Structure formats: structure tokens, C-alpha cells
């Protein structure tokens, strides 16, 4: 694929998902926004850090049974 197309596609997906819209790609699946809660991360040296909540983009592939 052309790198310009991929860059434009990723920009459109990022913009739409950041506005809490799902992006459906026919025959492939959809991109959605998921909220991750804050959590504690414990490092090997014993430090404990509170990780902030964040929104991430997830891809849900189309199942073979879906038409």
C-alpha cells in the first residue's frame, strides 16, 4: 500500500475514534475507543507508581460468521 494512504487512513481513524465514533472497515473489522482505568504498577526495585487513566484505540476483527 501507498504510505500516503496509510498515513491518511490512520489520521482519519485516530480523529474519529478520539471523538468516540467507531470506524468500520468493510470485511475487516472496526476500530473503537476503550477507556483504561488507573492502576498501580510495581517495579522490580519496589517502587509503586500510580498510572493515570487513558483512552486507547482497539481493533475488533470481523468474525468469519459475520456477513
PDB file of N, CA and C in Angstrom:
ATOM      1  N   UNK A   1       0.838  -1.189   0.000  1.00  0.00           N
ATOM      2  CA  UNK A   1       0.000   0.000   0.000  1.00  0.00           C
ATOM      3  C   UNK A   1       0.877   1.244   0.000  1.00  0.00           C
ATOM      4  N   UNK A   2       0.311   2.297  -0.469  1.00  0.00           N
ATOM      5  CA  UNK A   2       0.993   3.575  -0.528  1.00  0.00           C
ATOM      6  C   UNK A   2       1.097   4.172   0.875  1.00  0.00           C
ATOM      7  N   UNK A   3       2.268   4.686   1.227  1.00  0.00           N
ATOM      8  CA  UNK A   3       2.471   5.237   2.572  1.00  0.00           C
ATOM      9  C   UNK A   3       1.600   6.465   2.812  1.00  0.00           C
ATOM     10  N   UNK A   4       1.305   7.244   1.757  1.00  0.00           N
ATOM     11  CA  UNK A   4       0.416   8.406   1.916  1.00  0.00           C
ATOM     12  C   UNK A   4      -0.986   7.952   2.298  1.00  0.00           C
ATOM     13  N   UNK A   5      -1.453   6.865   1.673  1.00  0.00           N
ATOM     14  CA  UNK A   5      -2.772   6.328   2.012  1.00  0.00           C
ATOM     15  C   UNK A   5      -2.809   5.867   3.457  1.00  0.00           C
ATOM     16  N   UNK A   6      -1.794   5.110   3.878  1.00  0.00           N
ATOM     17  CA  UNK A   6      -1.762   4.600   5.250  1.00  0.00           C
ATOM     18  C   UNK A   6      -1.714   5.730   6.271  1.00  0.00           C
ATOM     19  N   UNK A   7      -0.962   6.774   5.972  1.00  0.00           N
ATOM     20  CA  UNK A   7      -0.887   7.913   6.881  1.00  0.00           C
ATOM     21  C   UNK A   7      -2.245   8.615   6.972  1.00  0.00           C
ATOM     22  N   UNK A   8      -2.901   8.817   5.824  1.00  0.00           N
ATOM     23  CA  UNK A   8      -4.220   9.458   5.819  1.00  0.00           C
ATOM     24  C   UNK A   8      -5.249   8.586   6.531  1.00  0.00           C
ATOM     25  N   UNK A   9      -5.202   7.267   6.285  1.00  0.00           N
ATOM     26  CA  UNK A   9      -6.134   6.349   6.920  1.00  0.00           C
ATOM     27  C   UNK A   9      -5.981   6.372   8.434  1.00  0.00           C
ATOM     28  N   UNK A  10      -4.734   6.306   8.914  1.00  0.00           N
ATOM     29  CA  UNK A  10      -4.511   6.309  10.363  1.00  0.00           C
ATOM     30  C   UNK A  10      -4.941   7.631  10.989  1.00  0.00           C
ATOM     31  N   UNK A  11      -4.784   8.717  10.266  1.00  0.00           N
ATOM     32  CA  UNK A  11      -5.204  10.023  10.774  1.00  0.00           C
ATOM     33  C   UNK A  11      -6.729  10.089  10.903  1.00  0.00           C
ATOM     34  N   UNK A  12      -7.442   9.579   9.899  1.00  0.00           N
ATOM     35  CA  UNK A  12      -8.906   9.568   9.943  1.00  0.00           C
ATOM     36  C   UNK A  12      -9.391   8.683  11.087  1.00  0.00           C
ATOM     37  N   UNK A  13      -8.806   7.500  11.223  1.00  0.00           N
ATOM     38  CA  UNK A  13      -9.202   6.592  12.302  1.00  0.00           C
ATOM     39  C   UNK A  13      -8.958   7.248  13.654  1.00  0.00           C
ATOM     40  N   UNK A  14      -7.782   7.838  13.838  1.00  0.00           N
ATOM     41  CA  UNK A  14      -7.443   8.483  15.113  1.00  0.00           C
ATOM     42  C   UNK A  14      -8.420   9.618  15.432  1.00  0.00           C
ATOM     43  N   UNK A  15      -8.733  10.450  14.445  1.00  0.00           N
ATOM     44  CA  UNK A  15      -9.647  11.576  14.672  1.00  0.00           C
ATOM     45  C   UNK A  15     -11.053  11.102  15.026  1.00  0.00           C
ATOM     46  N   UNK A  16     -11.547  10.119  14.290  1.00  0.00           N
ATOM     47  CA  UNK A  16     -12.905   9.626  14.546  1.00  0.00           C
ATOM     48  C   UNK A  16     -13.013   8.915  15.886  1.00  0.00           C
ATOM     49  N   UNK A  17     -12.042   8.070  16.200  1.00  0.00           N
ATOM     50  CA  UNK A  17     -12.093   7.328  17.462  1.00  0.00           C
ATOM     51  C   UNK A  17     -11.906   8.268  18.642  1.00  0.00           C
ATOM     52  N   UNK A  18     -11.118   9.331  18.482  1.00  0.00           N
ATOM     53  CA  UNK A  18     -10.946  10.292  19.578  1.00  0.00           C
ATOM     54  C   UNK A  18     -12.250  11.018  19.889  1.00  0.00           C
ATOM     55  N   UNK A  19     -13.178  11.042  18.931  1.00  0.00           N
ATOM     56  CA  UNK A  19     -14.497  11.638  19.146  1.00  0.00           C
ATOM     57  C   UNK A  19     -15.527  10.578  19.546  1.00  0.00           C
ATOM     58  N   UNK A  20     -15.037   9.408  19.966  1.00  0.00           N
ATOM     59  CA  UNK A  20     -15.858   8.272  20.422  1.00  0.00           C
ATOM     60  C   UNK A  20     -16.753   7.707  19.323  1.00  0.00           C
ATOM     61  N   UNK A  21     -16.317   7.804  18.069  1.00  0.00           N
ATOM     62  CA  UNK A  21     -17.014   7.176  16.956  1.00  0.00           C
ATOM     63  C   UNK A  21     -16.311   5.876  16.609  1.00  0.00           C
ATOM     64  N   UNK A  22     -17.082   4.867  16.233  1.00  0.00           N
ATOM     65  CA  UNK A  22     -16.487   3.623  15.759  1.00  0.00           C
ATOM     66  C   UNK A  22     -16.189   3.769  14.275  1.00  0.00           C
ATOM     67  N   UNK A  23     -15.090   3.186  13.830  1.00  0.00           N
ATOM     68  CA  UNK A  23     -14.727   3.205  12.417  1.00  0.00           C
ATOM     69  C   UNK A  23     -14.799   1.767  11.915  1.00  0.00           C
ATOM     70  N   UNK A  24     -15.789   1.502  11.047  1.00  0.00           N
ATOM     71  CA  UNK A  24     -15.978   0.164  10.488  1.00  0.00           C
ATOM     72  C   UNK A  24     -15.286   0.086   9.138  1.00  0.00           C
ATOM     73  N   UNK A  25     -14.483  -0.955   8.953  1.00  0.00           N
ATOM     74  CA  UNK A  25     -13.828  -1.214   7.677  1.00  0.00           C
ATOM     75  C   UNK A  25     -14.461  -2.488   7.128  1.00  0.00           C
ATOM     76  N   UNK A  26     -15.209  -2.345   6.049  1.00  0.00           N
ATOM     77  CA  UNK A  26     -15.959  -3.453   5.467  1.00  0.00           C
ATOM     78  C   UNK A  26     -15.074  -4.675   5.224  1.00  0.00           C
ATOM     79  N   UNK A  27     -15.506  -5.810   5.753  1.00  0.00           N
ATOM     80  CA  UNK A  27     -14.809  -7.060   5.531  1.00  0.00           C
ATOM     81  C   UNK A  27     -13.600  -7.287   6.414  1.00  0.00           C
ATOM     82  N   UNK A  28     -13.229  -6.299   7.233  1.00  0.00           N
ATOM     83  CA  UNK A  28     -12.034  -6.437   8.059  1.00  0.00           C
ATOM     84  C   UNK A  28     -12.376  -6.378   9.550  1.00  0.00           C
ATOM     85  N   UNK A  29     -13.087  -5.330   9.973  1.00  0.00           N
ATOM     86  CA  UNK A  29     -13.426  -5.170  11.382  1.00  0.00           C
ATOM     87  C   UNK A  29     -13.676  -3.716  11.703  1.00  0.00           C
ATOM     88  N   UNK A  30     -13.545  -3.343  12.985  1.00  0.00           N
ATOM     89  CA  UNK A  30     -13.773  -1.948  13.360  1.00  0.00           C
ATOM     90  C   UNK A  30     -12.792  -1.499  14.439  1.00  0.00           C
ATOM     91  N   UNK A  31     -12.559  -0.202  14.449  1.00  0.00           N
ATOM     92  CA  UNK A  31     -11.711   0.451  15.439  1.00  0.00           C
ATOM     93  C   UNK A  31     -12.620   1.146  16.438  1.00  0.00           C
ATOM     94  N   UNK A  32     -12.345   0.966  17.725  1.00  0.00           N
ATOM     95  CA  UNK A  32     -13.147   1.572  18.790  1.00  0.00           C
ATOM     96  C   UNK A  32     -12.239   2.184  19.853  1.00  0.00           C
ATOM     97  N   UNK A  33     -12.804   3.088  20.615  1.00  0.00           N
ATOM     98  CA  UNK A  33     -12.088   3.703  21.731  1.00  0.00           C
ATOM     99  C   UNK A  33     -12.411   2.917  22.994  1.00  0.00           C
ATOM    100  N   UNK A  34     -11.381   2.588  23.775  1.00  0.00           N
ATOM    101  CA  UNK A  34     -11.583   1.903  25.048  1.00  0.00           C
ATOM    102  C   UNK A  34     -10.937   2.718  26.155  1.00  0.00           C
ATOM    103  N   UNK A  35     -11.645   2.835  27.269  1.00  0.00           N
ATOM    104  CA  UNK A  35     -11.123   3.576  28.416  1.00  0.00           C
ATOM    105  C   UNK A  35     -10.440   2.597  29.363  1.00  0.00           C
ATOM    106  N   UNK A  36      -9.202   2.894  29.730  1.00  0.00           N
ATOM    107  CA  UNK A  36      -8.490   2.077  30.706  1.00  0.00           C
ATOM    108  C   UNK A  36      -8.421   2.848  32.019  1.00  0.00           C
ATOM    109  N   UNK A  37      -8.815   2.201  33.094  1.00  0.00           N
ATOM    110  CA  UNK A  37      -8.802   2.828  34.416  1.00  0.00           C
ATOM    111  C   UNK A  37      -7.374   2.983  34.919  1.00  0.00           C
ATOM    112  N   UNK A  38      -7.216   3.828  35.933  1.00  0.00           N
ATOM    113  CA  UNK A  38      -5.891   3.963  36.539  1.00  0.00           C
ATOM    114  C   UNK A  38      -5.548   2.685  37.301  1.00  0.00           C
ATOM    115  N   UNK A  39      -4.263   2.415  37.420  1.00  0.00           N
ATOM    116  CA  UNK A  39      -3.824   1.211  38.118  1.00  0.00           C
ATOM    117  C   UNK A  39      -2.450   1.441  38.731  1.00  0.00           C
ATOM    118  N   UNK A  40      -2.075   0.569  39.652  1.00  0.00           N
ATOM    119  CA  UNK A  40      -0.769   0.646  40.291  1.00  0.00           C
ATOM    120  C   UNK A  40       0.212  -0.253  39.549  1.00  0.00           C
ATOM    121  N   UNK A  41       1.390   0.281  39.267  1.00  0.00           N
ATOM    122  CA  UNK A  41       2.433  -0.505  38.631  1.00  0.00           C
ATOM    123  C   UNK A  41       3.575  -0.643  39.614  1.00  0.00           C
ATOM    124  N   UNK A  42       3.965  -1.885  39.891  1.00  0.00           N
ATOM    125  CA  UNK A  42       5.036  -2.141  40.841  1.00  0.00           C
ATOM    126  C   UNK A  42       6.287  -2.558  40.069  1.00  0.00           C
ATOM    127  N   UNK A  43       7.375  -1.832  40.284  1.00  0.00           N
ATOM    128  CA  UNK A  43       8.636  -2.108  39.613  1.00  0.00           C
ATOM    129  C   UNK A  43       9.459  -3.097  40.428  1.00  0.00           C
ATOM    130  N   UNK A  44      10.472  -3.693  39.768  1.00  0.00           N
ATOM    131  CA  UNK A  44      11.312  -4.696  40.426  1.00  0.00           C
ATOM    132  C   UNK A  44      12.052  -4.131  41.639  1.00  0.00           C
ATOM    133  N   UNK A  45      12.357  -2.814  41.618  1.00  0.00           N
ATOM    134  CA  UNK A  45      13.095  -2.220  42.733  1.00  0.00           C
ATOM    135  C   UNK A  45      12.186  -1.845  43.912  1.00  0.00           C
ATOM    136  N   UNK A  46      10.894  -2.168  43.812  1.00  0.00           N
ATOM    137  CA  UNK A  46       9.967  -1.921  44.916  1.00  0.00           C
ATOM    138  C   UNK A  46       9.139  -0.654  44.778  1.00  0.00           C
ATOM    139  N   UNK A  47       9.485   0.184  43.820  1.00  0.00           N
ATOM    140  CA  UNK A  47       8.697   1.411  43.628  1.00  0.00           C
ATOM    141  C   UNK A  47       7.292   1.054  43.158  1.00  0.00           C
ATOM    142  N   UNK A  48       6.326   1.811  43.637  1.00  0.00           N
ATOM    143  CA  UNK A  48       4.948   1.654  43.200  1.00  0.00           C
ATOM    144  C   UNK A  48       4.510   2.992  42.630  1.00  0.00           C
ATOM    145  N   UNK A  49       4.041   2.956  41.400  1.00  0.00           N
ATOM    146  CA  UNK A  49       3.639   4.181  40.711  1.00  0.00           C
ATOM    147  C   UNK A  49       2.188   4.033  40.279  1.00  0.00           C
ATOM    148  N   UNK A  50       1.405   5.099  40.473  1.00  0.00           N
ATOM    149  CA  UNK A  50       0.022   5.109  40.041  1.00  0.00           C
ATOM    150  C   UNK A  50      -0.006   5.551  38.580  1.00  0.00           C
ATOM    151  N   UNK A  51      -0.466   4.695  37.684  1.00  0.00           N
ATOM    152  CA  UNK A  51      -0.551   5.006  36.268  1.00  0.00           C
ATOM    153  C   UNK A  51      -1.901   5.674  36.012  1.00  0.00           C
ATOM    154  N   UNK A  52      -1.917   6.787  35.283  1.00  0.00           N
ATOM    155  CA  UNK A  52      -3.165   7.521  35.071  1.00  0.00           C
ATOM    156  C   UNK A  52      -4.105   6.789  34.108  1.00  0.00           C
ATOM    157  N   UNK A  53      -5.399   7.121  34.187  1.00  0.00           N
ATOM    158  CA  UNK A  53      -6.344   6.534  33.228  1.00  0.00           C
ATOM    159  C   UNK A  53      -6.054   7.080  31.832  1.00  0.00           C
ATOM    160  N   UNK A  54      -6.425   6.294  30.812  1.00  0.00           N
ATOM    161  CA  UNK A  54      -6.203   6.757  29.447  1.00  0.00           C
ATOM    162  C   UNK A  54      -7.168   6.060  28.500  1.00  0.00           C
ATOM    163  N   UNK A  55      -7.347   6.670  27.342  1.00  0.00           N
ATOM    164  CA  UNK A  55      -8.152   6.079  26.283  1.00  0.00           C
ATOM    165  C   UNK A  55      -7.212   5.496  25.234  1.00  0.00           C
ATOM    166  N   UNK A  56      -7.545   4.317  24.739  1.00  0.00           N
ATOM    167  CA  UNK A  56      -6.730   3.673  23.723  1.00  0.00           C
ATOM    168  C   UNK A  56      -7.611   3.280  22.545  1.00  0.00           C
ATOM    169  N   UNK A  57      -6.989   3.061  21.396  1.00  0.00           N
ATOM    170  CA  UNK A  57      -7.695   2.600  20.212  1.00  0.00           C
ATOM    171  C   UNK A  57      -7.515   1.089  20.123  1.00  0.00           C
ATOM    172  N   UNK A  58      -8.629   0.381  19.996  1.00  0.00           N
ATOM    173  CA  UNK A  58      -8.586  -1.074  19.856  1.00  0.00           C
ATOM    174  C   UNK A  58      -9.207  -1.463  18.527  1.00  0.00           C
ATOM    175  N   UNK A  59      -8.715  -2.568  17.962  1.00  0.00           N
ATOM    176  CA  UNK A  59      -9.260  -3.101  16.722  1.00  0.00           C
ATOM    177  C   UNK A  59      -9.987  -4.390  17.028  1.00  0.00           C
ATOM    178  N   UNK A  60     -11.225  -4.497  16.561  1.00  0.00           N
ATOM    179  CA  UNK A  60     -12.023  -5.708  16.738  1.00  0.00           C
ATOM    180  C   UNK A  60     -12.187  -6.332  15.361  1.00  0.00           C
ATOM    181  N   UNK A  61     -11.509  -7.468  15.107  1.00  0.00           N
ATOM    182  CA  UNK A  61     -11.607  -8.081  13.785  1.00  0.00           C
ATOM    183  C   UNK A  61     -12.994  -8.651  13.516  1.00  0.00           C
ATOM    184  N   UNK A  62     -13.367  -8.686  12.252  1.00  0.00           N
ATOM    185  CA  UNK A  62     -14.639  -9.250  11.850  1.00  0.00           C
ATOM    186  C   UNK A  62     -14.566 -10.763  12.015  1.00  0.00           C
ATOM    187  N   UNK A  63     -15.617 -11.332  12.548  1.00  0.00           N
ATOM    188  CA  UNK A  63     -15.668 -12.783  12.697  1.00  0.00           C
ATOM    189  C   UNK A  63     -16.048 -13.402  11.342  1.00  0.00           C
ATOM    190  N   UNK A  64     -15.549 -14.585  11.079  1.00  0.00           N
ATOM    191  CA  UNK A  64     -15.844 -15.263   9.810  1.00  0.00           C
ATOM    192  C   UNK A  64     -17.331 -15.493   9.605  1.00  0.00           C
ATOM    193  N   UNK A  65     -18.072 -15.661  10.702  1.00  0.00           N
ATOM    194  CA  UNK A  65     -19.507 -15.949  10.592  1.00  0.00           C
ATOM    195  C   UNK A  65     -20.331 -14.714  10.249  1.00  0.00           C
ATOM    196  N   UNK A  66     -19.750 -13.508  10.406  1.00  0.00           N
ATOM    197  CA  UNK A  66     -20.481 -12.278  10.100  1.00  0.00           C
ATOM    198  C   UNK A  66     -20.519 -12.067   8.601  1.00  0.00           C
ATOM    199  N   UNK A  67     -21.669 -11.612   8.116  1.00  0.00           N
ATOM    200  CA  UNK A  67     -21.814 -11.370   6.679  1.00  0.00           C
ATOM    201  C   UNK A  67     -22.043  -9.919   6.420  1.00  0.00           C
TER     202      UNK A  67
END
